[in-house]
Amino acid sequence: MASVDSEEDNKGFAEKNEASFPILSDPGKEMTRAYGVNSAMGFAKRWTFYIDQEGIIRKIDKDINVREAGVHLVENLRSLGVPTVE
């Protein structure tokens, strides 16, 4: 997960929402520009990039529904053949 917010804001967001992963901070918008996700309003679009171990983008999901994002994430990982942990 990445955001154009500051590291401090992202840390607060992660703690508030009990995230079990870090959030990348990109306040200079260099990474979001490189991935083409900057919006006209100044924030990053909610797109999911599926990047393999070689650094190749295998899929870009541009239709993100926040309430269903977790389910879609798992479905997309399975469709890409990513092994599951049981």
PDB file of N, CA and C in Angstrom:
ATOM      1  N   MET A   1       0.853  -1.166   0.000  1.00  0.00           N
ATOM      2  CA  MET A   1       0.000   0.000   0.000  1.00  0.00           C
ATOM      3  C   MET A   1       0.903   1.234   0.000  1.00  0.00           C
ATOM      4  N   ALA A   2       0.518   2.220  -0.774  1.00  0.00           N
ATOM      5  CA  ALA A   2       1.283   3.461  -0.865  1.00  0.00           C
ATOM      6  C   ALA A   2       0.331   4.645  -0.805  1.00  0.00           C
ATOM      7  N   SER A   3       0.854   5.760  -0.320  1.00  0.00           N
ATOM      8  CA  SER A   3       0.059   6.971  -0.187  1.00  0.00           C
ATOM      9  C   SER A   3       0.965   8.179  -0.391  1.00  0.00           C
ATOM     10  N   VAL A   4       0.381   9.274  -0.848  1.00  0.00           N
ATOM     11  CA  VAL A   4       1.154  10.511  -0.976  1.00  0.00           C
ATOM     12  C   VAL A   4       1.167  11.286   0.344  1.00  0.00           C
ATOM     13  N   ASP A   5       0.585  10.719   1.378  1.00  0.00           N
ATOM     14  CA  ASP A   5       0.605  11.343   2.701  1.00  0.00           C
ATOM     15  C   ASP A   5       1.975  11.165   3.351  1.00  0.00           C
ATOM     16  N   SER A   6       2.209  11.919   4.404  1.00  0.00           N
ATOM     17  CA  SER A   6       3.488  11.833   5.108  1.00  0.00           C
ATOM     18  C   SER A   6       3.624  10.497   5.831  1.00  0.00           C
ATOM     19  N   GLU A   7       4.846  10.156   6.173  1.00  0.00           N
ATOM     20  CA  GLU A   7       5.098   8.920   6.919  1.00  0.00           C
ATOM     21  C   GLU A   7       4.352   8.938   8.249  1.00  0.00           C
ATOM     22  N   GLU A   8       4.327  10.085   8.902  1.00  0.00           N
ATOM     23  CA  GLU A   8       3.622  10.222  10.181  1.00  0.00           C
ATOM     24  C   GLU A   8       2.114   9.977  10.013  1.00  0.00           C
ATOM     25  N   ASP A   9       1.512  10.572   8.982  1.00  0.00           N
ATOM     26  CA  ASP A   9       0.082  10.358   8.723  1.00  0.00           C
ATOM     27  C   ASP A   9      -0.218   8.893   8.409  1.00  0.00           C
ATOM     28  N   ASN A  10       0.641   8.275   7.603  1.00  0.00           N
ATOM     29  CA  ASN A  10       0.434   6.873   7.251  1.00  0.00           C
ATOM     30  C   ASN A  10       0.577   5.965   8.459  1.00  0.00           C
ATOM     31  N   LYS A  11       1.524   6.277   9.322  1.00  0.00           N
ATOM     32  CA  LYS A  11       1.695   5.472  10.530  1.00  0.00           C
ATOM     33  C   LYS A  11       0.447   5.573  11.406  1.00  0.00           C
ATOM     34  N   GLY A  12      -0.090   6.781  11.560  1.00  0.00           N
ATOM     35  CA  GLY A  12      -1.319   6.973  12.332  1.00  0.00           C
ATOM     36  C   GLY A  12      -2.497   6.234  11.722  1.00  0.00           C
ATOM     37  N   PHE A  13      -2.615   6.278  10.399  1.00  0.00           N
ATOM     38  CA  PHE A  13      -3.680   5.569   9.701  1.00  0.00           C
ATOM     39  C   PHE A  13      -3.559   4.065   9.927  1.00  0.00           C
ATOM     40  N   ALA A  14      -2.338   3.542   9.810  1.00  0.00           N
ATOM     41  CA  ALA A  14      -2.105   2.107   9.991  1.00  0.00           C
ATOM     42  C   ALA A  14      -2.446   1.675  11.416  1.00  0.00           C
ATOM     43  N   GLU A  15      -2.046   2.471  12.388  1.00  0.00           N
ATOM     44  CA  GLU A  15      -2.348   2.135  13.786  1.00  0.00           C
ATOM     45  C   GLU A  15      -3.848   2.189  14.047  1.00  0.00           C
ATOM     46  N   LYS A  16      -4.496   3.225  13.562  1.00  0.00           N
ATOM     47  CA  LYS A  16      -5.940   3.390  13.765  1.00  0.00           C
ATOM     48  C   LYS A  16      -6.723   2.226  13.167  1.00  0.00           C
ATOM     49  N   ASN A  17      -6.279   1.743  12.009  1.00  0.00           N
ATOM     50  CA  ASN A  17      -6.985   0.676  11.305  1.00  0.00           C
ATOM     51  C   ASN A  17      -6.379  -0.710  11.551  1.00  0.00           C
ATOM     52  N   GLU A  18      -5.456  -0.772  12.492  1.00  0.00           N
ATOM     53  CA  GLU A  18      -4.809  -2.024  12.882  1.00  0.00           C
ATOM     54  C   GLU A  18      -4.239  -2.774  11.681  1.00  0.00           C
ATOM     55  N   ALA A  19      -3.587  -2.037  10.791  1.00  0.00           N
ATOM     56  CA  ALA A  19      -2.956  -2.651   9.621  1.00  0.00           C
ATOM     57  C   ALA A  19      -1.777  -3.511  10.073  1.00  0.00           C
ATOM     58  N   SER A  20      -1.621  -4.638   9.442  1.00  0.00           N
ATOM     59  CA  SER A  20      -0.531  -5.553   9.794  1.00  0.00           C
ATOM     60  C   SER A  20       0.631  -5.424   8.806  1.00  0.00           C
ATOM     61  N   PHE A  21       0.706  -4.300   8.123  1.00  0.00           N
ATOM     62  CA  PHE A  21       1.740  -4.073   7.118  1.00  0.00           C
ATOM     63  C   PHE A  21       2.070  -2.578   7.081  1.00  0.00           C
ATOM     64  N   PRO A  22       3.261  -2.241   6.636  1.00  0.00           N
ATOM     65  CA  PRO A  22       3.625  -0.815   6.539  1.00  0.00           C
ATOM     66  C   PRO A  22       2.991  -0.172   5.306  1.00  0.00           C
ATOM     67  N   ILE A  23       2.849   1.138   5.347  1.00  0.00           N
ATOM     68  CA  ILE A  23       2.321   1.900   4.219  1.00  0.00           C
ATOM     69  C   ILE A  23       3.451   2.785   3.690  1.00  0.00           C
ATOM     70  N   LEU A  24       3.743   2.658   2.425  1.00  0.00           N
ATOM     71  CA  LEU A  24       4.785   3.452   1.794  1.00  0.00           C
ATOM     72  C   LEU A  24       4.327   4.907   1.692  1.00  0.00           C
ATOM     73  N   SER A  25       5.183   5.824   2.099  1.00  0.00           N
ATOM     74  CA  SER A  25       4.877   7.256   1.994  1.00  0.00           C
ATOM     75  C   SER A  25       5.600   7.840   0.787  1.00  0.00           C
ATOM     76  N   ASP A  26       4.860   8.563  -0.036  1.00  0.00           N
ATOM     77  CA  ASP A  26       5.411   9.185  -1.238  1.00  0.00           C
ATOM     78  C   ASP A  26       4.944  10.639  -1.334  1.00  0.00           C
ATOM     79  N   PRO A  27       5.278  11.467  -0.313  1.00  0.00           N
ATOM     80  CA  PRO A  27       4.788  12.855  -0.335  1.00  0.00           C
ATOM     81  C   PRO A  27       5.328  13.676  -1.506  1.00  0.00           C
ATOM     82  N   GLY A  28       6.482  13.289  -2.064  1.00  0.00           N
ATOM     83  CA  GLY A  28       7.028  13.986  -3.230  1.00  0.00           C
ATOM     84  C   GLY A  28       6.402  13.527  -4.541  1.00  0.00           C
ATOM     85  N   LYS A  29       5.579  12.488  -4.457  1.00  0.00           N
ATOM     86  CA  LYS A  29       4.808  11.939  -5.583  1.00  0.00           C
ATOM     87  C   LYS A  29       5.678  11.406  -6.724  1.00  0.00           C
ATOM     88  N   GLU A  30       6.906  11.000  -6.410  1.00  0.00           N
ATOM     89  CA  GLU A  30       7.791  10.456  -7.435  1.00  0.00           C
ATOM     90  C   GLU A  30       7.331   9.065  -7.883  1.00  0.00           C
ATOM     91  N   MET A  31       7.025   8.210  -6.929  1.00  0.00           N
ATOM     92  CA  MET A  31       6.605   6.853  -7.247  1.00  0.00           C
ATOM     93  C   MET A  31       5.227   6.861  -7.903  1.00  0.00           C
ATOM     94  N   THR A  32       4.313   7.667  -7.394  1.00  0.00           N
ATOM     95  CA  THR A  32       2.974   7.696  -7.976  1.00  0.00           C
ATOM     96  C   THR A  32       3.001   8.248  -9.404  1.00  0.00           C
ATOM     97  N   ARG A  33       3.902   9.187  -9.676  1.00  0.00           N
ATOM     98  CA  ARG A  33       4.075   9.681 -11.052  1.00  0.00           C
ATOM     99  C   ARG A  33       4.615   8.558 -11.946  1.00  0.00           C
ATOM    100  N   ALA A  34       5.598   7.813 -11.438  1.00  0.00           N
ATOM    101  CA  ALA A  34       6.215   6.742 -12.214  1.00  0.00           C
ATOM    102  C   ALA A  34       5.198   5.659 -12.582  1.00  0.00           C
ATOM    103  N   TYR A  35       4.253   5.397 -11.690  1.00  0.00           N
ATOM    104  CA  TYR A  35       3.229   4.381 -11.947  1.00  0.00           C
ATOM    105  C   TYR A  35       1.983   4.953 -12.623  1.00  0.00           C
ATOM    106  N   GLY A  36       1.948   6.262 -12.835  1.00  0.00           N
ATOM    107  CA  GLY A  36       0.830   6.883 -13.539  1.00  0.00           C
ATOM    108  C   GLY A  36      -0.458   6.938 -12.743  1.00  0.00           C
ATOM    109  N   VAL A  37      -0.354   7.046 -11.420  1.00  0.00           N
ATOM    110  CA  VAL A  37      -1.557   7.020 -10.594  1.00  0.00           C
ATOM    111  C   VAL A  37      -1.874   8.353  -9.925  1.00  0.00           C
ATOM    112  N   ASN A  38      -1.182   9.418 -10.287  1.00  0.00           N
ATOM    113  CA  ASN A  38      -1.521  10.723  -9.721  1.00  0.00           C
ATOM    114  C   ASN A  38      -2.852  11.192 -10.295  1.00  0.00           C
ATOM    115  N   SER A  39      -3.713  11.684  -9.417  1.00  0.00           N
ATOM    116  CA  SER A  39      -4.992  12.213  -9.881  1.00  0.00           C
ATOM    117  C   SER A  39      -4.895  13.729 -10.000  1.00  0.00           C
ATOM    118  N   ALA A  40      -5.832  14.318 -10.695  1.00  0.00           N
ATOM    119  CA  ALA A  40      -5.870  15.772 -10.848  1.00  0.00           C
ATOM    120  C   ALA A  40      -6.087  16.470  -9.502  1.00  0.00           C
ATOM    121  N   MET A  41      -6.652  15.740  -8.544  1.00  0.00           N
ATOM    122  CA  MET A  41      -6.939  16.309  -7.221  1.00  0.00           C
ATOM    123  C   MET A  41      -5.720  16.265  -6.291  1.00  0.00           C
ATOM    124  N   GLY A  42      -4.623  15.618  -6.737  1.00  0.00           N
ATOM    125  CA  GLY A  42      -3.402  15.603  -5.940  1.00  0.00           C
ATOM    126  C   GLY A  42      -3.174  14.346  -5.117  1.00  0.00           C
ATOM    127  N   PHE A  43      -4.105  13.422  -5.126  1.00  0.00           N
ATOM    128  CA  PHE A  43      -3.894  12.181  -4.381  1.00  0.00           C
ATOM    129  C   PHE A  43      -3.664  11.035  -5.364  1.00  0.00           C
ATOM    130  N   ALA A  44      -3.264   9.893  -4.830  1.00  0.00           N
ATOM    131  CA  ALA A  44      -3.017   8.728  -5.674  1.00  0.00           C
ATOM    132  C   ALA A  44      -4.310   7.960  -5.908  1.00  0.00           C
ATOM    133  N   LYS A  45      -4.499   7.525  -7.143  1.00  0.00           N
ATOM    134  CA  LYS A  45      -5.656   6.686  -7.475  1.00  0.00           C
ATOM    135  C   LYS A  45      -5.503   5.344  -6.771  1.00  0.00           C
ATOM    136  N   ARG A  46      -6.617   4.709  -6.454  1.00  0.00           N
ATOM    137  CA  ARG A  46      -6.593   3.411  -5.781  1.00  0.00           C
ATOM    138  C   ARG A  46      -6.526   2.302  -6.819  1.00  0.00           C
ATOM    139  N   TRP A  47      -5.346   2.037  -7.281  1.00  0.00           N
ATOM    140  CA  TRP A  47      -5.106   0.950  -8.205  1.00  0.00           C
ATOM    141  C   TRP A  47      -4.252  -0.086  -7.497  1.00  0.00           C
ATOM    142  N   THR A  48      -4.415  -1.355  -7.875  1.00  0.00           N
ATOM    143  CA  THR A  48      -3.586  -2.423  -7.328  1.00  0.00           C
ATOM    144  C   THR A  48      -2.705  -2.968  -8.437  1.00  0.00           C
ATOM    145  N   PHE A  49      -1.396  -2.968  -8.190  1.00  0.00           N
ATOM    146  CA  PHE A  49      -0.422  -3.514  -9.117  1.00  0.00           C
ATOM    147  C   PHE A  49       0.047  -4.855  -8.580  1.00  0.00           C
ATOM    148  N   TYR A  50      -0.022  -5.879  -9.418  1.00  0.00           N
ATOM    149  CA  TYR A  50       0.459  -7.209  -9.057  1.00  0.00           C
ATOM    150  C   TYR A  50       1.813  -7.385  -9.738  1.00  0.00           C
ATOM    151  N   ILE A  51       2.869  -7.399  -8.944  1.00  0.00           N
ATOM    152  CA  ILE A  51       4.237  -7.410  -9.445  1.00  0.00           C
ATOM    153  C   ILE A  51       4.901  -8.716  -9.014  1.00  0.00           C
ATOM    154  N   ASP A  52       5.463  -9.436  -9.981  1.00  0.00           N
ATOM    155  CA  ASP A  52       6.069 -10.721  -9.647  1.00  0.00           C
ATOM    156  C   ASP A  52       7.467 -10.550  -9.061  1.00  0.00           C
ATOM    157  N   GLN A  53       8.106 -11.664  -8.741  1.00  0.00           N
ATOM    158  CA  GLN A  53       9.419 -11.636  -8.093  1.00  0.00           C
ATOM    159  C   GLN A  53      10.505 -11.056  -8.990  1.00  0.00           C
ATOM    160  N   GLU A  54      10.289 -11.050 -10.300  1.00  0.00           N
ATOM    161  CA  GLU A  54      11.253 -10.461 -11.228  1.00  0.00           C
ATOM    162  C   GLU A  54      10.995  -8.968 -11.451  1.00  0.00           C
ATOM    163  N   GLY A  55       9.967  -8.438 -10.811  1.00  0.00           N
ATOM    164  CA  GLY A  55       9.644  -7.025 -10.946  1.00  0.00           C
ATOM    165  C   GLY A  55       8.752  -6.710 -12.134  1.00  0.00           C
ATOM    166  N   ILE A  56       8.159  -7.742 -12.733  1.00  0.00           N
ATOM    167  CA  ILE A  56       7.281  -7.548 -13.889  1.00  0.00           C
ATOM    168  C   ILE A  56       5.845  -7.355 -13.407  1.00  0.00           C
ATOM    169  N   ILE A  57       5.198  -6.293 -13.889  1.00  0.00           N
ATOM    170  CA  ILE A  57       3.794  -6.051 -13.546  1.00  0.00           C
ATOM    171  C   ILE A  57       2.954  -7.062 -14.318  1.00  0.00           C
ATOM    172  N   ARG A  58       2.267  -7.925 -13.595  1.00  0.00           N
ATOM    173  CA  ARG A  58       1.461  -8.987 -14.206  1.00  0.00           C
ATOM    174  C   ARG A  58       0.004  -8.582 -14.375  1.00  0.00           C
ATOM    175  N   LYS A  59      -0.442  -7.653 -13.559  1.00  0.00           N
ATOM    176  CA  LYS A  59      -1.838  -7.222 -13.646  1.00  0.00           C
ATOM    177  C   LYS A  59      -1.964  -5.870 -12.951  1.00  0.00           C
ATOM    178  N   ILE A  60      -2.859  -5.042 -13.457  1.00  0.00           N
ATOM    179  CA  ILE A  60      -3.221  -3.780 -12.813  1.00  0.00           C
ATOM    180  C   ILE A  60      -4.728  -3.778 -12.654  1.00  0.00           C
ATOM    181  N   ASP A  61      -5.177  -3.658 -11.429  1.00  0.00           N
ATOM    182  CA  ASP A  61      -6.610  -3.595 -11.142  1.00  0.00           C
ATOM    183  C   ASP A  61      -6.954  -2.131 -10.886  1.00  0.00           C
ATOM    184  N   LYS A  62      -7.704  -1.530 -11.806  1.00  0.00           N
ATOM    185  CA  LYS A  62      -8.069  -0.120 -11.703  1.00  0.00           C
ATOM    186  C   LYS A  62      -9.468   0.088 -11.148  1.00  0.00           C
ATOM    187  N   ASP A  63     -10.187  -0.993 -10.929  1.00  0.00           N
ATOM    188  CA  ASP A  63     -11.569  -0.910 -10.451  1.00  0.00           C
ATOM    189  C   ASP A  63     -11.616  -1.394  -8.998  1.00  0.00           C
ATOM    190  N   ILE A  64     -11.226  -0.525  -8.087  1.00  0.00           N
ATOM    191  CA  ILE A  64     -11.116  -0.900  -6.675  1.00  0.00           C
ATOM    192  C   ILE A  64     -12.358  -0.449  -5.914  1.00  0.00           C
ATOM    193  N   ASN A  65     -12.997  -1.409  -5.262  1.00  0.00           N
ATOM    194  CA  ASN A  65     -14.097  -1.147  -4.344  1.00  0.00           C
ATOM    195  C   ASN A  65     -13.542  -1.434  -2.948  1.00  0.00           C
ATOM    196  N   VAL A  66     -13.405  -0.411  -2.132  1.00  0.00           N
ATOM    197  CA  VAL A  66     -12.748  -0.546  -0.833  1.00  0.00           C
ATOM    198  C   VAL A  66     -13.348  -1.670   0.002  1.00  0.00           C
ATOM    199  N   ARG A  67     -14.651  -1.808  -0.015  1.00  0.00           N
ATOM    200  CA  ARG A  67     -15.316  -2.834   0.805  1.00  0.00           C
ATOM    201  C   ARG A  67     -15.023  -4.254   0.334  1.00  0.00           C
ATOM    202  N   GLU A  68     -14.698  -4.414  -0.946  1.00  0.00           N
ATOM    203  CA  GLU A  68     -14.462  -5.748  -1.503  1.00  0.00           C
ATOM    204  C   GLU A  68     -13.011  -5.966  -1.917  1.00  0.00           C
ATOM    205  N   ALA A  69     -12.136  -5.031  -1.623  1.00  0.00           N
ATOM    206  CA  ALA A  69     -10.752  -5.089  -2.100  1.00  0.00           C
ATOM    207  C   ALA A  69     -10.018  -6.338  -1.641  1.00  0.00           C
ATOM    208  N   GLY A  70     -10.204  -6.748  -0.405  1.00  0.00           N
ATOM    209  CA  GLY A  70      -9.512  -7.932   0.107  1.00  0.00           C
ATOM    210  C   GLY A  70      -9.899  -9.189  -0.635  1.00  0.00           C
ATOM    211  N   VAL A  71     -11.187  -9.356  -0.880  1.00  0.00           N
ATOM    212  CA  VAL A  71     -11.679 -10.532  -1.608  1.00  0.00           C
ATOM    213  C   VAL A  71     -11.130 -10.530  -3.029  1.00  0.00           C
ATOM    214  N   HIS A  72     -11.169  -9.381  -3.689  1.00  0.00           N
ATOM    215  CA  HIS A  72     -10.668  -9.286  -5.060  1.00  0.00           C
ATOM    216  C   HIS A  72      -9.161  -9.515  -5.114  1.00  0.00           C
ATOM    217  N   LEU A  73      -8.457  -9.058  -4.099  1.00  0.00           N
ATOM    218  CA  LEU A  73      -7.015  -9.263  -4.033  1.00  0.00           C
ATOM    219  C   LEU A  73      -6.698 -10.758  -4.029  1.00  0.00           C
ATOM    220  N   VAL A  74      -7.373 -11.502  -3.177  1.00  0.00           N
ATOM    221  CA  VAL A  74      -7.160 -12.952  -3.097  1.00  0.00           C
ATOM    222  C   VAL A  74      -7.527 -13.618  -4.418  1.00  0.00           C
ATOM    223  N   GLU A  75      -8.650 -13.246  -4.999  1.00  0.00           N
ATOM    224  CA  GLU A  75      -9.075 -13.824  -6.285  1.00  0.00           C
ATOM    225  C   GLU A  75      -8.033 -13.567  -7.371  1.00  0.00           C
ATOM    226  N   ASN A  76      -7.531 -12.331  -7.436  1.00  0.00           N
ATOM    227  CA  ASN A  76      -6.532 -11.993  -8.454  1.00  0.00           C
ATOM    228  C   ASN A  76      -5.225 -12.736  -8.230  1.00  0.00           C
ATOM    229  N   LEU A  77      -4.798 -12.863  -6.981  1.00  0.00           N
ATOM    230  CA  LEU A  77      -3.566 -13.611  -6.697  1.00  0.00           C
ATOM    231  C   LEU A  77      -3.718 -15.067  -7.111  1.00  0.00           C
ATOM    232  N   ARG A  78      -4.865 -15.641  -6.835  1.00  0.00           N
ATOM    233  CA  ARG A  78      -5.113 -17.035  -7.242  1.00  0.00           C
ATOM    234  C   ARG A  78      -5.100 -17.166  -8.764  1.00  0.00           C
ATOM    235  N   SER A  79      -5.735 -16.214  -9.449  1.00  0.00           N
ATOM    236  CA  SER A  79      -5.785 -16.282 -10.922  1.00  0.00           C
ATOM    237  C   SER A  79      -4.397 -16.143 -11.537  1.00  0.00           C
ATOM    238  N   LEU A  80      -3.481 -15.505 -10.830  1.00  0.00           N
ATOM    239  CA  LEU A  80      -2.113 -15.356 -11.297  1.00  0.00           C
ATOM    240  C   LEU A  80      -1.236 -16.544 -10.885  1.00  0.00           C
ATOM    241  N   GLY A  81      -1.822 -17.487 -10.151  1.00  0.00           N
ATOM    242  CA  GLY A  81      -1.078 -18.686  -9.762  1.00  0.00           C
ATOM    243  C   GLY A  81      -0.182 -18.517  -8.556  1.00  0.00           C
ATOM    244  N   VAL A  82      -0.440 -17.516  -7.758  1.00  0.00           N
ATOM    245  CA  VAL A  82       0.363 -17.305  -6.548  1.00  0.00           C
ATOM    246  C   VAL A  82      -0.023 -18.381  -5.539  1.00  0.00           C
ATOM    247  N   PRO A  83       0.951 -19.124  -5.014  1.00  0.00           N
ATOM    248  CA  PRO A  83       0.628 -20.195  -4.063  1.00  0.00           C
ATOM    249  C   PRO A  83       0.064 -19.632  -2.751  1.00  0.00           C
ATOM    250  N   THR A  84      -0.855 -20.396  -2.182  1.00  0.00           N
ATOM    251  CA  THR A  84      -1.459 -19.986  -0.922  1.00  0.00           C
ATOM    252  C   THR A  84      -0.750 -20.676   0.238  1.00  0.00           C
ATOM    253  N   VAL A  85      -0.851 -20.057   1.398  1.00  0.00           N
ATOM    254  CA  VAL A  85      -0.292 -20.619   2.621  1.00  0.00           C
ATOM    255  C   VAL A  85      -1.434 -21.117   3.459  1.00  0.00           C
ATOM    256  N   GLU A  86      -1.344 -22.336   3.901  1.00  0.00           N
ATOM    257  CA  GLU A  86      -2.437 -22.899   4.721  1.00  0.00           C
ATOM    258  C   GLU A  86      -1.916 -23.352   6.045  1.00  0.00           C
TER     259      GLU A  86
END
